[in-house]
Structure formats: structure tokens, C-alpha cells
Amino acid sequence: MPSNQPTRDEQARALTFADALRIRAEAALLDAALPRIVTEQRDAGRPVTAIARDLDVTESYVHRIIRQYRSAQQ
């Protein structure tokens, strides 16, 4: 059954310069918050494999940002 949802390429072609500005600003916020968010998810019992898969990053990256976040909090 075909999906009525636009593909990633179709969504990308629809982006505007204003969208790019908004996304870049939000990405900067996410960069600052991601270590806390990931650590909270891990502390709540979410497996590193699931965090990595859902964020499309490697497990080693997840371990690294958790380690760096915890080190900075001490």
C-alpha cells in the first residue's frame, strides 16, 4: 500500500531559506541540550542501542556524550 506521506527528498525540496534559518537555530539548541537529554534517557533505563538507533548515531557516540556530560556535572 503506497504511503500518502511525502518522501524525505520531497520534503527537502520544499524547504526554504527561512526554514533553513529556523532549523539551524533549533539545531544549535539541540546541540546544547542533547547530552542532558541522552543521559536522562539512559538513566531512565533506555538502552544505549535504542538511543543510538533512534538518533541515528553510533553507540560509541552515545557513550561518549554521556561520559562527557557526567564529567562536566561533577
PDB file of N, CA and C in Angstrom:
ATOM      1  N   MET A   1       0.841  -1.167   0.000  1.00  0.00           N
ATOM      2  CA  MET A   1       0.000   0.000   0.000  1.00  0.00           C
ATOM      3  C   MET A   1       0.894   1.241   0.000  1.00  0.00           C
ATOM      4  N   PRO A   2       0.768   2.133  -0.996  1.00  0.00           N
ATOM      5  CA  PRO A   2       1.611   3.333  -1.052  1.00  0.00           C
ATOM      6  C   PRO A   2       1.240   4.319   0.055  1.00  0.00           C
ATOM      7  N   SER A   3       2.263   5.002   0.532  1.00  0.00           N
ATOM      8  CA  SER A   3       2.059   5.991   1.592  1.00  0.00           C
ATOM      9  C   SER A   3       1.685   7.338   0.984  1.00  0.00           C
ATOM     10  N   ASN A   4       0.813   8.054   1.664  1.00  0.00           N
ATOM     11  CA  ASN A   4       0.446   9.402   1.238  1.00  0.00           C
ATOM     12  C   ASN A   4       1.419  10.448   1.777  1.00  0.00           C
ATOM     13  N   GLN A   5       2.383   9.996   2.577  1.00  0.00           N
ATOM     14  CA  GLN A   5       3.368  10.900   3.156  1.00  0.00           C
ATOM     15  C   GLN A   5       4.431  11.245   2.114  1.00  0.00           C
ATOM     16  N   PRO A   6       4.868  12.515   2.073  1.00  0.00           N
ATOM     17  CA  PRO A   6       5.942  12.872   1.144  1.00  0.00           C
ATOM     18  C   PRO A   6       7.248  12.191   1.539  1.00  0.00           C
ATOM     19  N   THR A   7       8.062  11.886   0.548  1.00  0.00           N
ATOM     20  CA  THR A   7       9.357  11.270   0.817  1.00  0.00           C
ATOM     21  C   THR A   7      10.300  12.304   1.420  1.00  0.00           C
ATOM     22  N   ARG A   8      11.405  11.825   1.939  1.00  0.00           N
ATOM     23  CA  ARG A   8      12.408  12.736   2.505  1.00  0.00           C
ATOM     24  C   ARG A   8      12.904  13.707   1.436  1.00  0.00           C
ATOM     25  N   ASP A   9      13.128  13.213   0.210  1.00  0.00           N
ATOM     26  CA  ASP A   9      13.585  14.084  -0.878  1.00  0.00           C
ATOM     27  C   ASP A   9      12.538  15.149  -1.201  1.00  0.00           C
ATOM     28  N   GLU A  10      11.287  14.762  -1.226  1.00  0.00           N
ATOM     29  CA  GLU A  10      10.218  15.736  -1.496  1.00  0.00           C
ATOM     30  C   GLU A  10      10.147  16.786  -0.395  1.00  0.00           C
ATOM     31  N   GLN A  11      10.280  16.351   0.838  1.00  0.00           N
ATOM     32  CA  GLN A  11      10.286  17.299   1.952  1.00  0.00           C
ATOM     33  C   GLN A  11      11.477  18.249   1.852  1.00  0.00           C
ATOM     34  N   ALA A  12      12.638  17.704   1.492  1.00  0.00           N
ATOM     35  CA  ALA A  12      13.839  18.528   1.382  1.00  0.00           C
ATOM     36  C   ALA A  12      13.699  19.582   0.289  1.00  0.00           C
ATOM     37  N   ARG A  13      13.121  19.203  -0.833  1.00  0.00           N
ATOM     38  CA  ARG A  13      12.941  20.165  -1.934  1.00  0.00           C
ATOM     39  C   ARG A  13      11.979  21.292  -1.561  1.00  0.00           C
ATOM     40  N   ALA A  14      11.119  21.056  -0.593  1.00  0.00           N
ATOM     41  CA  ALA A  14      10.140  22.065  -0.194  1.00  0.00           C
ATOM     42  C   ALA A  14      10.694  23.062   0.820  1.00  0.00           C
ATOM     43  N   LEU A  15      11.878  22.804   1.364  1.00  0.00           N
ATOM     44  CA  LEU A  15      12.443  23.705   2.365  1.00  0.00           C
ATOM     45  C   LEU A  15      12.834  25.046   1.747  1.00  0.00           C
ATOM     46  N   THR A  16      12.657  26.089   2.533  1.00  0.00           N
ATOM     47  CA  THR A  16      13.010  27.441   2.107  1.00  0.00           C
ATOM     48  C   THR A  16      14.194  27.952   2.919  1.00  0.00           C
ATOM     49  N   PHE A  17      14.675  29.126   2.551  1.00  0.00           N
ATOM     50  CA  PHE A  17      15.753  29.755   3.318  1.00  0.00           C
ATOM     51  C   PHE A  17      15.300  30.036   4.741  1.00  0.00           C
ATOM     52  N   ALA A  18      14.075  30.482   4.902  1.00  0.00           N
ATOM     53  CA  ALA A  18      13.531  30.730   6.249  1.00  0.00           C
ATOM     54  C   ALA A  18      13.511  29.431   7.060  1.00  0.00           C
ATOM     55  N   ASP A  19      13.161  28.328   6.411  1.00  0.00           N
ATOM     56  CA  ASP A  19      13.189  27.027   7.092  1.00  0.00           C
ATOM     57  C   ASP A  19      14.608  26.708   7.541  1.00  0.00           C
ATOM     58  N   ALA A  20      15.577  26.965   6.668  1.00  0.00           N
ATOM     59  CA  ALA A  20      16.975  26.679   6.982  1.00  0.00           C
ATOM     60  C   ALA A  20      17.439  27.490   8.193  1.00  0.00           C
ATOM     61  N   LEU A  21      17.051  28.750   8.260  1.00  0.00           N
ATOM     62  CA  LEU A  21      17.420  29.581   9.412  1.00  0.00           C
ATOM     63  C   LEU A  21      16.828  29.036  10.695  1.00  0.00           C
ATOM     64  N   ARG A  22      15.558  28.674  10.650  1.00  0.00           N
ATOM     65  CA  ARG A  22      14.872  28.138  11.833  1.00  0.00           C
ATOM     66  C   ARG A  22      15.497  26.816  12.263  1.00  0.00           C
ATOM     67  N   ILE A  23      15.773  25.943  11.306  1.00  0.00           N
ATOM     68  CA  ILE A  23      16.339  24.632  11.616  1.00  0.00           C
ATOM     69  C   ILE A  23      17.737  24.778  12.200  1.00  0.00           C
ATOM     70  N   ARG A  24      18.547  25.675  11.639  1.00  0.00           N
ATOM     71  CA  ARG A  24      19.903  25.903  12.177  1.00  0.00           C
ATOM     72  C   ARG A  24      19.845  26.398  13.612  1.00  0.00           C
ATOM     73  N   ALA A  25      18.927  27.310  13.913  1.00  0.00           N
ATOM     74  CA  ALA A  25      18.784  27.820  15.280  1.00  0.00           C
ATOM     75  C   ALA A  25      18.355  26.698  16.229  1.00  0.00           C
ATOM     76  N   GLU A  26      17.410  25.891  15.786  1.00  0.00           N
ATOM     77  CA  GLU A  26      16.956  24.772  16.613  1.00  0.00           C
ATOM     78  C   GLU A  26      18.054  23.732  16.787  1.00  0.00           C
ATOM     79  N   ALA A  27      18.850  23.523  15.753  1.00  0.00           N
ATOM     80  CA  ALA A  27      19.953  22.566  15.842  1.00  0.00           C
ATOM     81  C   ALA A  27      20.984  23.013  16.880  1.00  0.00           C
ATOM     82  N   ALA A  28      21.222  24.318  16.959  1.00  0.00           N
ATOM     83  CA  ALA A  28      22.161  24.836  17.957  1.00  0.00           C
ATOM     84  C   ALA A  28      21.630  24.572  19.370  1.00  0.00           C
ATOM     85  N   LEU A  29      20.331  24.739  19.562  1.00  0.00           N
ATOM     86  CA  LEU A  29      19.726  24.439  20.864  1.00  0.00           C
ATOM     87  C   LEU A  29      19.844  22.951  21.176  1.00  0.00           C
ATOM     88  N   LEU A  30      19.583  22.123  20.179  1.00  0.00           N
ATOM     89  CA  LEU A  30      19.677  20.677  20.374  1.00  0.00           C
ATOM     90  C   LEU A  30      21.098  20.265  20.706  1.00  0.00           C
ATOM     91  N   ASP A  31      22.081  20.853  20.040  1.00  0.00           N
ATOM     92  CA  ASP A  31      23.475  20.528  20.338  1.00  0.00           C
ATOM     93  C   ASP A  31      23.788  20.775  21.808  1.00  0.00           C
ATOM     94  N   ALA A  32      23.249  21.861  22.352  1.00  0.00           N
ATOM     95  CA  ALA A  32      23.495  22.185  23.756  1.00  0.00           C
ATOM     96  C   ALA A  32      22.736  21.256  24.702  1.00  0.00           C
ATOM     97  N   ALA A  33      21.557  20.829  24.312  1.00  0.00           N
ATOM     98  CA  ALA A  33      20.703  20.031  25.194  1.00  0.00           C
ATOM     99  C   ALA A  33      20.889  18.528  25.043  1.00  0.00           C
ATOM    100  N   LEU A  34      21.430  18.070  23.928  1.00  0.00           N
ATOM    101  CA  LEU A  34      21.482  16.638  23.653  1.00  0.00           C
ATOM    102  C   LEU A  34      22.208  15.824  24.722  1.00  0.00           C
ATOM    103  N   PRO A  35      23.351  16.265  25.234  1.00  0.00           N
ATOM    104  CA  PRO A  35      23.996  15.454  26.282  1.00  0.00           C
ATOM    105  C   PRO A  35      23.085  15.225  27.497  1.00  0.00           C
ATOM    106  N   ARG A  36      22.391  16.247  27.926  1.00  0.00           N
ATOM    107  CA  ARG A  36      21.471  16.096  29.058  1.00  0.00           C
ATOM    108  C   ARG A  36      20.325  15.157  28.703  1.00  0.00           C
ATOM    109  N   ILE A  37      19.742  15.354  27.526  1.00  0.00           N
ATOM    110  CA  ILE A  37      18.602  14.536  27.093  1.00  0.00           C
ATOM    111  C   ILE A  37      18.994  13.067  27.002  1.00  0.00           C
ATOM    112  N   VAL A  38      20.126  12.794  26.379  1.00  0.00           N
ATOM    113  CA  VAL A  38      20.583  11.418  26.212  1.00  0.00           C
ATOM    114  C   VAL A  38      20.883  10.789  27.569  1.00  0.00           C
ATOM    115  N   THR A  39      21.535  11.520  28.446  1.00  0.00           N
ATOM    116  CA  THR A  39      21.860  10.997  29.776  1.00  0.00           C
ATOM    117  C   THR A  39      20.592  10.713  30.570  1.00  0.00           C
ATOM    118  N   GLU A  40      19.614  11.592  30.488  1.00  0.00           N
ATOM    119  CA  GLU A  40      18.343  11.355  31.174  1.00  0.00           C
ATOM    120  C   GLU A  40      17.656  10.098  30.647  1.00  0.00           C
ATOM    121  N   GLN A  41      17.700   9.903  29.339  1.00  0.00           N
ATOM    122  CA  GLN A  41      17.088   8.703  28.761  1.00  0.00           C
ATOM    123  C   GLN A  41      17.802   7.443  29.234  1.00  0.00           C
ATOM    124  N   ARG A  42      19.121   7.483  29.268  1.00  0.00           N
ATOM    125  CA  ARG A  42      19.894   6.324  29.729  1.00  0.00           C
ATOM    126  C   ARG A  42      19.616   6.063  31.199  1.00  0.00           C
ATOM    127  N   ASP A  43      19.584   7.115  32.017  1.00  0.00           N
ATOM    128  CA  ASP A  43      19.318   6.955  33.445  1.00  0.00           C
ATOM    129  C   ASP A  43      17.906   6.426  33.703  1.00  0.00           C
ATOM    130  N   ALA A  44      16.995   6.682  32.779  1.00  0.00           N
ATOM    131  CA  ALA A  44      15.625   6.179  32.899  1.00  0.00           C
ATOM    132  C   ALA A  44      15.504   4.728  32.424  1.00  0.00           C
ATOM    133  N   GLY A  45      16.621   4.156  31.967  1.00  0.00           N
ATOM    134  CA  GLY A  45      16.626   2.756  31.592  1.00  0.00           C
ATOM    135  C   GLY A  45      16.594   2.463  30.105  1.00  0.00           C
ATOM    136  N   ARG A  46      16.587   3.494  29.279  1.00  0.00           N
ATOM    137  CA  ARG A  46      16.572   3.267  27.832  1.00  0.00           C
ATOM    138  C   ARG A  46      17.946   2.738  27.411  1.00  0.00           C
ATOM    139  N   PRO A  47      17.975   1.653  26.673  1.00  0.00           N
ATOM    140  CA  PRO A  47      19.273   1.087  26.256  1.00  0.00           C
ATOM    141  C   PRO A  47      20.039   2.010  25.305  1.00  0.00           C
ATOM    142  N   VAL A  48      21.351   1.977  25.436  1.00  0.00           N
ATOM    143  CA  VAL A  48      22.208   2.771  24.556  1.00  0.00           C
ATOM    144  C   VAL A  48      21.934   2.421  23.099  1.00  0.00           C
ATOM    145  N   THR A  49      21.708   1.148  22.812  1.00  0.00           N
ATOM    146  CA  THR A  49      21.437   0.750  21.429  1.00  0.00           C
ATOM    147  C   THR A  49      20.191   1.435  20.885  1.00  0.00           C
ATOM    148  N   ALA A  50      19.161   1.563  21.709  1.00  0.00           N
ATOM    149  CA  ALA A  50      17.926   2.215  21.272  1.00  0.00           C
ATOM    150  C   ALA A  50      18.132   3.717  21.087  1.00  0.00           C
ATOM    151  N   ILE A  51      18.858   4.327  21.998  1.00  0.00           N
ATOM    152  CA  ILE A  51      19.142   5.769  21.880  1.00  0.00           C
ATOM    153  C   ILE A  51      19.905   6.031  20.587  1.00  0.00           C
ATOM    154  N   ALA A  52      20.948   5.248  20.344  1.00  0.00           N
ATOM    155  CA  ALA A  52      21.765   5.427  19.149  1.00  0.00           C
ATOM    156  C   ALA A  52      20.934   5.220  17.887  1.00  0.00           C
ATOM    157  N   ARG A  53      20.150   4.165  17.864  1.00  0.00           N
ATOM    158  CA  ARG A  53      19.318   3.878  16.690  1.00  0.00           C
ATOM    159  C   ARG A  53      18.335   5.013  16.427  1.00  0.00           C
ATOM    160  N   ASP A  54      17.645   5.467  17.467  1.00  0.00           N
ATOM    161  CA  ASP A  54      16.622   6.491  17.295  1.00  0.00           C
ATOM    162  C   ASP A  54      17.195   7.845  16.880  1.00  0.00           C
ATOM    163  N   LEU A  55      18.411   8.136  17.329  1.00  0.00           N
ATOM    164  CA  LEU A  55      19.059   9.403  16.964  1.00  0.00           C
ATOM    165  C   LEU A  55      19.941   9.277  15.725  1.00  0.00           C
ATOM    166  N   ASP A  56      20.055   8.070  15.195  1.00  0.00           N
ATOM    167  CA  ASP A  56      20.880   7.799  14.022  1.00  0.00           C
ATOM    168  C   ASP A  56      22.332   8.202  14.257  1.00  0.00           C
ATOM    169  N   VAL A  57      22.841   7.755  15.404  1.00  0.00           N
ATOM    170  CA  VAL A  57      24.249   7.963  15.758  1.00  0.00           C
ATOM    171  C   VAL A  57      24.800   6.619  16.214  1.00  0.00           C
ATOM    172  N   THR A  58      26.097   6.558  16.442  1.00  0.00           N
ATOM    173  CA  THR A  58      26.698   5.306  16.893  1.00  0.00           C
ATOM    174  C   THR A  58      26.552   5.156  18.410  1.00  0.00           C
ATOM    175  N   GLU A  59      26.634   3.914  18.848  1.00  0.00           N
ATOM    176  CA  GLU A  59      26.600   3.651  20.281  1.00  0.00           C
ATOM    177  C   GLU A  59      27.796   4.301  20.978  1.00  0.00           C
ATOM    178  N   SER A  60      28.942   4.301  20.321  1.00  0.00           N
ATOM    179  CA  SER A  60      30.122   4.921  20.939  1.00  0.00           C
ATOM    180  C   SER A  60      29.916   6.426  21.120  1.00  0.00           C
ATOM    181  N   TYR A  61      29.207   7.054  20.199  1.00  0.00           N
ATOM    182  CA  TYR A  61      28.909   8.483  20.356  1.00  0.00           C
ATOM    183  C   TYR A  61      28.008   8.696  21.574  1.00  0.00           C
ATOM    184  N   VAL A  62      27.011   7.839  21.746  1.00  0.00           N
ATOM    185  CA  VAL A  62      26.113   7.953  22.899  1.00  0.00           C
ATOM    186  C   VAL A  62      26.917   7.798  24.188  1.00  0.00           C
ATOM    187  N   HIS A  63      27.763   6.776  24.261  1.00  0.00           N
ATOM    188  CA  HIS A  63      28.598   6.580  25.457  1.00  0.00           C
ATOM    189  C   HIS A  63      29.483   7.798  25.712  1.00  0.00           C
ATOM    190  N   ARG A  64      30.058   8.336  24.644  1.00  0.00           N
ATOM    191  CA  ARG A  64      30.956   9.488  24.787  1.00  0.00           C
ATOM    192  C   ARG A  64      30.232  10.707  25.332  1.00  0.00           C
ATOM    193  N   ILE A  65      29.055  11.029  24.793  1.00  0.00           N
ATOM    194  CA  ILE A  65      28.375  12.243  25.275  1.00  0.00           C
ATOM    195  C   ILE A  65      27.854  12.056  26.694  1.00  0.00           C
ATOM    196  N   ILE A  66      27.462  10.831  27.048  1.00  0.00           N
ATOM    197  CA  ILE A  66      27.053  10.580  28.439  1.00  0.00           C
ATOM    198  C   ILE A  66      28.249  10.767  29.369  1.00  0.00           C
ATOM    199  N   ARG A  67      29.383  10.189  28.989  1.00  0.00           N
ATOM    200  CA  ARG A  67      30.595  10.306  29.813  1.00  0.00           C
ATOM    201  C   ARG A  67      31.017  11.771  29.966  1.00  0.00           C
ATOM    202  N   GLN A  68      31.005  12.521  28.872  1.00  0.00           N
ATOM    203  CA  GLN A  68      31.395  13.935  28.931  1.00  0.00           C
ATOM    204  C   GLN A  68      30.395  14.752  29.757  1.00  0.00           C
ATOM    205  N   TYR A  69      29.110  14.455  29.610  1.00  0.00           N
ATOM    206  CA  TYR A  69      28.094  15.191  30.381  1.00  0.00           C
ATOM    207  C   TYR A  69      28.265  14.929  31.870  1.00  0.00           C
ATOM    208  N   ARG A  70      28.440  13.656  32.239  1.00  0.00           N
ATOM    209  CA  ARG A  70      28.594  13.331  33.659  1.00  0.00           C
ATOM    210  C   ARG A  70      29.867  13.928  34.233  1.00  0.00           C
ATOM    211  N   SER A  71      30.928  13.945  33.447  1.00  0.00           N
ATOM    212  CA  SER A  71      32.189  14.537  33.903  1.00  0.00           C
ATOM    213  C   SER A  71      32.025  16.033  34.137  1.00  0.00           C
ATOM    214  N   ALA A  72      31.294  16.709  33.270  1.00  0.00           N
ATOM    215  CA  ALA A  72      31.086  18.147  33.400  1.00  0.00           C
ATOM    216  C   ALA A  72      30.184  18.491  34.579  1.00  0.00           C
ATOM    217  N   GLN A  73      29.334  17.550  35.007  1.00  0.00           N
ATOM    218  CA  GLN A  73      28.409  17.799  36.104  1.00  0.00           C
ATOM    219  C   GLN A  73      29.055  17.632  37.471  1.00  0.00           C
ATOM    220  N   GLN A  74      30.248  17.033  37.520  1.00  0.00           N
ATOM    221  CA  GLN A  74      30.913  16.791  38.810  1.00  0.00           C
ATOM    222  C   GLN A  74      31.717  17.971  39.260  1.00  0.00           C
TER     223      GLN A  74
END
